[in-house]
Amino acid sequence: MVLHITSHLDIRELISLYPLLLPSSSGFIRAHPPLHEYADLNQLTRGDQEKVSKCKRFLMSYLSEIRSTEVANGYQQDVDTALLKLYAEADHESLLDLLVSDNACEVGDSAAWLEKHKKL
């Protein structure tokens, strides 16, 4: 994980591989030329749900680790909203901690995601 933190990769490039995790208000556009050949996580994992779950657990851990660091600086809403969506989907115990913390979650997207996963 250290390499991801020190790579200076725009965190939104990583989040964008996971469909619907970036907030709808995000103005992010993938790098051109592309950094990789994959459209999204489903193409990368070829639909293998075990691999999808592992990738989502990795992203959850990574976003949790970097959300209060320089890596997330300027992209706090994208990071917090993606993390909330991952927590809600996984029924993760850290969801409540994120909700009661000083977070930058995009309210509309977050509320819809929480409703979808029966967390409201």
C-alpha atoms as a PDB file:
ATOM      1  CA  MET A   1       0.000   0.000   0.000  1.00  0.00           C
ATOM      2  CA  VAL A   2       2.949   2.319   0.590  1.00  0.00           C
ATOM      3  CA  LEU A   3       3.645   2.486  -3.139  1.00  0.00           C
ATOM      4  CA  HIS A   4       0.113   3.740  -3.787  1.00  0.00           C
ATOM      5  CA  ILE A   5       0.546   6.443  -1.175  1.00  0.00           C
ATOM      6  CA  THR A   6       3.904   7.614  -2.499  1.00  0.00           C
ATOM      7  CA  SER A   7       3.072   7.291  -6.211  1.00  0.00           C
ATOM      8  CA  HIS A   8       1.285  10.651  -6.524  1.00  0.00           C
ATOM      9  CA  LEU A   9      -1.513   8.940  -8.432  1.00  0.00           C
ATOM     10  CA  ASP A  10      -4.703  10.987  -8.527  1.00  0.00           C
ATOM     11  CA  ILE A  11      -6.802   8.896  -6.134  1.00  0.00           C
ATOM     12  CA  ARG A  12      -9.812   9.426  -8.371  1.00  0.00           C
ATOM     13  CA  GLU A  13      -8.113   7.348 -11.119  1.00  0.00           C
ATOM     14  CA  LEU A  14      -8.249   4.382  -8.758  1.00  0.00           C
ATOM     15  CA  ILE A  15     -11.771   5.076  -7.489  1.00  0.00           C
ATOM     16  CA  SER A  16     -13.048   5.477 -11.067  1.00  0.00           C
ATOM     17  CA  LEU A  17     -12.328   1.791 -11.719  1.00  0.00           C
ATOM     18  CA  TYR A  18     -15.157   0.974  -9.314  1.00  0.00           C
ATOM     19  CA  PRO A  19     -18.507   1.785 -10.962  1.00  0.00           C
ATOM     20  CA  LEU A  20     -20.689   4.364  -9.192  1.00  0.00           C
ATOM     21  CA  LEU A  21     -18.285   5.080  -6.303  1.00  0.00           C
ATOM     22  CA  LEU A  22     -17.342   8.604  -7.353  1.00  0.00           C
ATOM     23  CA  PRO A  23     -19.997  11.138  -6.374  1.00  0.00           C
ATOM     24  CA  SER A  24     -22.213  12.332  -9.218  1.00  0.00           C
ATOM     25  CA  SER A  25     -20.950  15.871  -8.558  1.00  0.00           C
ATOM     26  CA  SER A  26     -17.342  14.860  -9.210  1.00  0.00           C
ATOM     27  CA  GLY A  27     -15.839  16.559 -12.225  1.00  0.00           C
ATOM     28  CA  PHE A  28     -13.172  13.900 -12.598  1.00  0.00           C
ATOM     29  CA  ILE A  29     -12.094  12.878 -16.094  1.00  0.00           C
ATOM     30  CA  ARG A  30      -9.671   9.986 -16.534  1.00  0.00           C
ATOM     31  CA  ALA A  31      -6.130  10.718 -17.677  1.00  0.00           C
ATOM     32  CA  HIS A  32      -5.472  10.972 -21.380  1.00  0.00           C
ATOM     33  CA  PRO A  33      -3.719   8.958 -22.629  1.00  0.00           C
ATOM     34  CA  PRO A  34      -5.201   6.302 -20.334  1.00  0.00           C
ATOM     35  CA  LEU A  35      -3.038   4.937 -17.542  1.00  0.00           C
ATOM     36  CA  HIS A  36      -4.364   1.420 -18.183  1.00  0.00           C
ATOM     37  CA  GLU A  37      -6.513  -0.531 -20.609  1.00  0.00           C
ATOM     38  CA  TYR A  38      -9.355  -1.421 -18.221  1.00  0.00           C
ATOM     39  CA  ALA A  39     -12.754   0.212 -18.346  1.00  0.00           C
ATOM     40  CA  ASP A  40     -13.630  -0.807 -14.812  1.00  0.00           C
ATOM     41  CA  LEU A  41     -13.276  -3.400 -12.075  1.00  0.00           C
ATOM     42  CA  ASN A  42     -15.692  -5.800 -13.763  1.00  0.00           C
ATOM     43  CA  GLN A  43     -13.514  -5.968 -16.873  1.00  0.00           C
ATOM     44  CA  LEU A  44     -10.351  -6.250 -14.771  1.00  0.00           C
ATOM     45  CA  THR A  45     -11.695  -9.172 -12.717  1.00  0.00           C
ATOM     46  CA  ARG A  46     -13.635 -10.708 -15.611  1.00  0.00           C
ATOM     47  CA  GLY A  47     -16.705 -10.819 -13.387  1.00  0.00           C
ATOM     48  CA  ASP A  48     -15.089 -13.041 -10.724  1.00  0.00           C
ATOM     49  CA  GLN A  49     -17.029 -11.965  -7.625  1.00  0.00           C
ATOM     50  CA  GLU A  50     -14.339 -13.199  -5.231  1.00  0.00           C
ATOM     51  CA  LYS A  51     -11.802 -10.953  -6.966  1.00  0.00           C
ATOM     52  CA  VAL A  52     -14.280  -8.054  -6.988  1.00  0.00           C
ATOM     53  CA  SER A  53     -14.745  -8.460  -3.227  1.00  0.00           C
ATOM     54  CA  LYS A  54     -10.983  -8.537  -2.639  1.00  0.00           C
ATOM     55  CA  CYS A  55     -10.507  -5.412  -4.722  1.00  0.00           C
ATOM     56  CA  LYS A  56     -13.271  -3.605  -2.850  1.00  0.00           C
ATOM     57  CA  ARG A  57     -11.747  -4.605   0.493  1.00  0.00           C
ATOM     58  CA  PHE A  58      -8.392  -3.285  -0.698  1.00  0.00           C
ATOM     59  CA  LEU A  59      -9.928   0.025  -1.808  1.00  0.00           C
ATOM     60  CA  MET A  60     -11.845   0.336   1.461  1.00  0.00           C
ATOM     61  CA  SER A  61      -8.663  -0.182   3.442  1.00  0.00           C
ATOM     62  CA  TYR A  62      -6.671   2.181   1.243  1.00  0.00           C
ATOM     63  CA  LEU A  63      -9.246   4.996   1.356  1.00  0.00           C
ATOM     64  CA  SER A  64      -9.571   4.632   5.111  1.00  0.00           C
ATOM     65  CA  GLU A  65      -5.798   4.894   5.404  1.00  0.00           C
ATOM     66  CA  ILE A  66      -5.384   7.961   3.193  1.00  0.00           C
ATOM     67  CA  ARG A  67      -8.536   9.978   3.911  1.00  0.00           C
ATOM     68  CA  SER A  68      -6.784  12.306   6.353  1.00  0.00           C
ATOM     69  CA  THR A  69      -3.491  12.517   4.456  1.00  0.00           C
ATOM     70  CA  GLU A  70      -2.030  14.640   1.692  1.00  0.00           C
ATOM     71  CA  VAL A  71      -3.076  11.981  -0.854  1.00  0.00           C
ATOM     72  CA  ALA A  72      -6.751  12.900  -0.373  1.00  0.00           C
ATOM     73  CA  ASN A  73      -6.069  16.625  -0.231  1.00  0.00           C
ATOM     74  CA  GLY A  74      -8.467  18.395  -2.568  1.00  0.00           C
ATOM     75  CA  TYR A  75     -10.472  15.237  -3.225  1.00  0.00           C
ATOM     76  CA  GLN A  76     -11.969  14.712   0.220  1.00  0.00           C
ATOM     77  CA  GLN A  77     -15.535  14.546  -1.062  1.00  0.00           C
ATOM     78  CA  ASP A  78     -14.615  11.892  -3.635  1.00  0.00           C
ATOM     79  CA  VAL A  79     -12.707   9.841  -1.055  1.00  0.00           C
ATOM     80  CA  ASP A  80     -15.292  10.098   1.736  1.00  0.00           C
ATOM     81  CA  THR A  81     -18.253   9.399  -0.552  1.00  0.00           C
ATOM     82  CA  ALA A  82     -16.558   6.339  -2.074  1.00  0.00           C
ATOM     83  CA  LEU A  83     -15.635   5.108   1.398  1.00  0.00           C
ATOM     84  CA  LEU A  84     -19.202   5.551   2.655  1.00  0.00           C
ATOM     85  CA  LYS A  85     -20.529   3.589  -0.321  1.00  0.00           C
ATOM     86  CA  LEU A  86     -18.059   0.768   0.259  1.00  0.00           C
ATOM     87  CA  TYR A  87     -18.830   0.657   3.992  1.00  0.00           C
ATOM     88  CA  ALA A  88     -22.592   0.602   3.366  1.00  0.00           C
ATOM     89  CA  GLU A  89     -22.348  -2.109   0.724  1.00  0.00           C
ATOM     90  CA  ALA A  90     -20.155  -4.293   2.956  1.00  0.00           C
ATOM     91  CA  ASP A  91     -22.156  -3.590   6.128  1.00  0.00           C
ATOM     92  CA  HIS A  92     -18.818  -2.514   7.635  1.00  0.00           C
ATOM     93  CA  GLU A  93     -18.634  -1.506  11.299  1.00  0.00           C
ATOM     94  CA  SER A  94     -16.797   1.727  10.369  1.00  0.00           C
ATOM     95  CA  LEU A  95     -19.834   3.180   8.575  1.00  0.00           C
ATOM     96  CA  LEU A  96     -21.197   4.805  11.722  1.00  0.00           C
ATOM     97  CA  ASP A  97     -17.756   6.178  12.625  1.00  0.00           C
ATOM     98  CA  LEU A  98     -17.529   7.822   9.209  1.00  0.00           C
ATOM     99  CA  LEU A  99     -21.042   9.242   9.450  1.00  0.00           C
ATOM    100  CA  VAL A 100     -20.476  10.825  12.862  1.00  0.00           C
ATOM    101  CA  SER A 101     -17.019  12.139  11.987  1.00  0.00           C
ATOM    102  CA  ASP A 102     -16.212  15.394  10.242  1.00  0.00           C
ATOM    103  CA  ASN A 103     -16.683  14.023   6.723  1.00  0.00           C
ATOM    104  CA  ALA A 104     -17.070  15.484   3.249  1.00  0.00           C
ATOM    105  CA  CYS A 105     -19.529  12.923   1.872  1.00  0.00           C
ATOM    106  CA  GLU A 106     -21.723  14.140  -0.994  1.00  0.00           C
ATOM    107  CA  VAL A 107     -25.127  14.239   0.722  1.00  0.00           C
ATOM    108  CA  GLY A 108     -27.389  13.281  -2.198  1.00  0.00           C
ATOM    109  CA  ASP A 109     -25.311  10.335  -3.380  1.00  0.00           C
ATOM    110  CA  SER A 110     -24.667   9.168   0.163  1.00  0.00           C
ATOM    111  CA  ALA A 111     -28.317   9.260   1.201  1.00  0.00           C
ATOM    112  CA  ALA A 112     -29.380   7.348  -1.917  1.00  0.00           C
ATOM    113  CA  TRP A 113     -26.655   4.724  -1.347  1.00  0.00           C
ATOM    114  CA  LEU A 114     -27.580   4.349   2.330  1.00  0.00           C
ATOM    115  CA  GLU A 115     -31.233   3.863   1.381  1.00  0.00           C
ATOM    116  CA  LYS A 116     -30.308   1.351  -1.319  1.00  0.00           C
ATOM    117  CA  HIS A 117     -28.360  -0.709   1.222  1.00  0.00           C
ATOM    118  CA  LYS A 118     -31.020  -0.260   3.924  1.00  0.00           C
ATOM    119  CA  LYS A 119     -28.829   1.821   6.240  1.00  0.00           C
ATOM    120  CA  LEU A 120     -31.323   4.672   6.668  1.00  0.00           C
END
